[in-house]
Amino acid sequence: MSESVNEAGIPNKLLFRPDEVAKIIGVTRQTVYNWIQEGKIQVCRTPGGQYRVLRGEVERILGERNND
C-alpha cells in the first residue's frame, strides 16, 4: 500500500525518519544527520532514542531550499 502525498510531494504523515527526510529533500542521509547535530533541524526522539523530524520542519527546509 502506498502513502498519499500532498502537492509538494510530502507523504501525509506527521513524523519522518531521517532517511525519509533525505529522500524528500534530495540529500544524503548523512547530510540530514549532520544538520541534526548542527541544530539546523529540530527533532524529537522516540522512547528508543531514534530521531524523528516533524512535518513542519520538512516543509520549512523544502521552502528554504526552493528559495535559494
C-alpha atoms as a PDB file:
ATOM      1  CA  MET A   1       0.000   0.000   0.000  1.00  0.00           C
ATOM      2  CA  SER A   2       1.448   3.366  -0.979  1.00  0.00           C
ATOM      3  CA  GLU A   3       1.067   6.513   1.104  1.00  0.00           C
ATOM      4  CA  SER A   4      -0.744   9.523  -0.258  1.00  0.00           C
ATOM      5  CA  VAL A   5       1.295  12.685  -0.788  1.00  0.00           C
ATOM      6  CA  ASN A   6       0.411  16.363  -0.899  1.00  0.00           C
ATOM      7  CA  GLU A   7       1.051  18.726  -3.820  1.00  0.00           C
ATOM      8  CA  ALA A   8       4.634  19.301  -2.599  1.00  0.00           C
ATOM      9  CA  GLY A   9       5.298  15.557  -2.764  1.00  0.00           C
ATOM     10  CA  ILE A  10       5.460  15.110   1.019  1.00  0.00           C
ATOM     11  CA  PRO A  11       3.770  11.965   2.373  1.00  0.00           C
ATOM     12  CA  ASN A  12       0.718  12.705   4.508  1.00  0.00           C
ATOM     13  CA  LYS A  13       2.074  11.849   7.936  1.00  0.00           C
ATOM     14  CA  LEU A  14       3.316  13.784  10.972  1.00  0.00           C
ATOM     15  CA  LEU A  15       6.759  12.299  11.725  1.00  0.00           C
ATOM     16  CA  PHE A  16       9.575  11.241   9.402  1.00  0.00           C
ATOM     17  CA  ARG A  17      12.739   9.183   9.851  1.00  0.00           C
ATOM     18  CA  PRO A  18      15.987  10.887   8.782  1.00  0.00           C
ATOM     19  CA  ASP A  19      16.264   8.627   5.715  1.00  0.00           C
ATOM     20  CA  GLU A  20      12.761   9.664   4.632  1.00  0.00           C
ATOM     21  CA  VAL A  21      13.676  13.336   5.086  1.00  0.00           C
ATOM     22  CA  ALA A  22      16.789  12.817   2.963  1.00  0.00           C
ATOM     23  CA  LYS A  23      14.758  11.259   0.155  1.00  0.00           C
ATOM     24  CA  ILE A  24      12.114  14.017   0.214  1.00  0.00           C
ATOM     25  CA  ILE A  25      14.668  16.841   0.243  1.00  0.00           C
ATOM     26  CA  GLY A  26      17.115  15.197  -2.149  1.00  0.00           C
ATOM     27  CA  VAL A  27      20.192  14.960   0.081  1.00  0.00           C
ATOM     28  CA  THR A  28      22.037  12.072   1.685  1.00  0.00           C
ATOM     29  CA  ARG A  29      21.016  10.573   4.987  1.00  0.00           C
ATOM     30  CA  GLN A  30      24.379  11.675   6.408  1.00  0.00           C
ATOM     31  CA  THR A  31      23.571  15.285   5.482  1.00  0.00           C
ATOM     32  CA  VAL A  32      20.344  15.061   7.474  1.00  0.00           C
ATOM     33  CA  TYR A  33      22.228  13.642  10.480  1.00  0.00           C
ATOM     34  CA  ASN A  34      24.803  16.443  10.150  1.00  0.00           C
ATOM     35  CA  TRP A  35      22.015  19.041  10.134  1.00  0.00           C
ATOM     36  CA  ILE A  36      20.534  17.430  13.253  1.00  0.00           C
ATOM     37  CA  GLN A  37      23.897  17.559  15.058  1.00  0.00           C
ATOM     38  CA  GLU A  38      24.404  21.199  13.959  1.00  0.00           C
ATOM     39  CA  GLY A  39      20.946  22.160  15.217  1.00  0.00           C
ATOM     40  CA  LYS A  40      19.686  23.080  11.739  1.00  0.00           C
ATOM     41  CA  ILE A  41      16.780  20.642  12.053  1.00  0.00           C
ATOM     42  CA  GLN A  42      14.642  20.310  15.162  1.00  0.00           C
ATOM     43  CA  VAL A  43      13.880  16.710  16.003  1.00  0.00           C
ATOM     44  CA  CYS A  44      12.143  14.666  18.636  1.00  0.00           C
ATOM     45  CA  ARG A  45      13.310  11.278  19.828  1.00  0.00           C
ATOM     46  CA  THR A  46      11.402   8.060  20.202  1.00  0.00           C
ATOM     47  CA  PRO A  47      11.495   6.176  23.521  1.00  0.00           C
ATOM     48  CA  GLY A  48      14.137   4.001  21.835  1.00  0.00           C
ATOM     49  CA  GLY A  49      16.295   7.059  21.105  1.00  0.00           C
ATOM     50  CA  GLN A  50      15.700   7.284  17.361  1.00  0.00           C
ATOM     51  CA  TYR A  51      15.318  10.660  15.664  1.00  0.00           C
ATOM     52  CA  ARG A  52      12.039  11.799  14.134  1.00  0.00           C
ATOM     53  CA  VAL A  53      11.520  15.010  12.188  1.00  0.00           C
ATOM     54  CA  LEU A  54       8.196  16.818  12.347  1.00  0.00           C
ATOM     55  CA  ARG A  55       6.386  17.509   9.090  1.00  0.00           C
ATOM     56  CA  GLY A  56       6.663  21.275   9.655  1.00  0.00           C
ATOM     57  CA  GLU A  57      10.454  21.022   9.704  1.00  0.00           C
ATOM     58  CA  VAL A  58      10.454  19.122   6.409  1.00  0.00           C
ATOM     59  CA  GLU A  59       8.207  21.790   4.866  1.00  0.00           C
ATOM     60  CA  ARG A  60      10.438  24.574   6.247  1.00  0.00           C
ATOM     61  CA  ILE A  61      13.598  23.025   4.808  1.00  0.00           C
ATOM     62  CA  LEU A  62      11.960  22.480   1.423  1.00  0.00           C
ATOM     63  CA  GLY A  63      10.797  26.105   1.413  1.00  0.00           C
ATOM     64  CA  GLU A  64      14.290  27.370   2.225  1.00  0.00           C
ATOM     65  CA  ARG A  65      15.872  25.202  -0.462  1.00  0.00           C
ATOM     66  CA  ASN A  66      13.333  26.346  -3.060  1.00  0.00           C
ATOM     67  CA  ASN A  67      14.119  29.985  -2.262  1.00  0.00           C
ATOM     68  CA  ASP A  68      17.872  29.515  -2.878  1.00  0.00           C
END
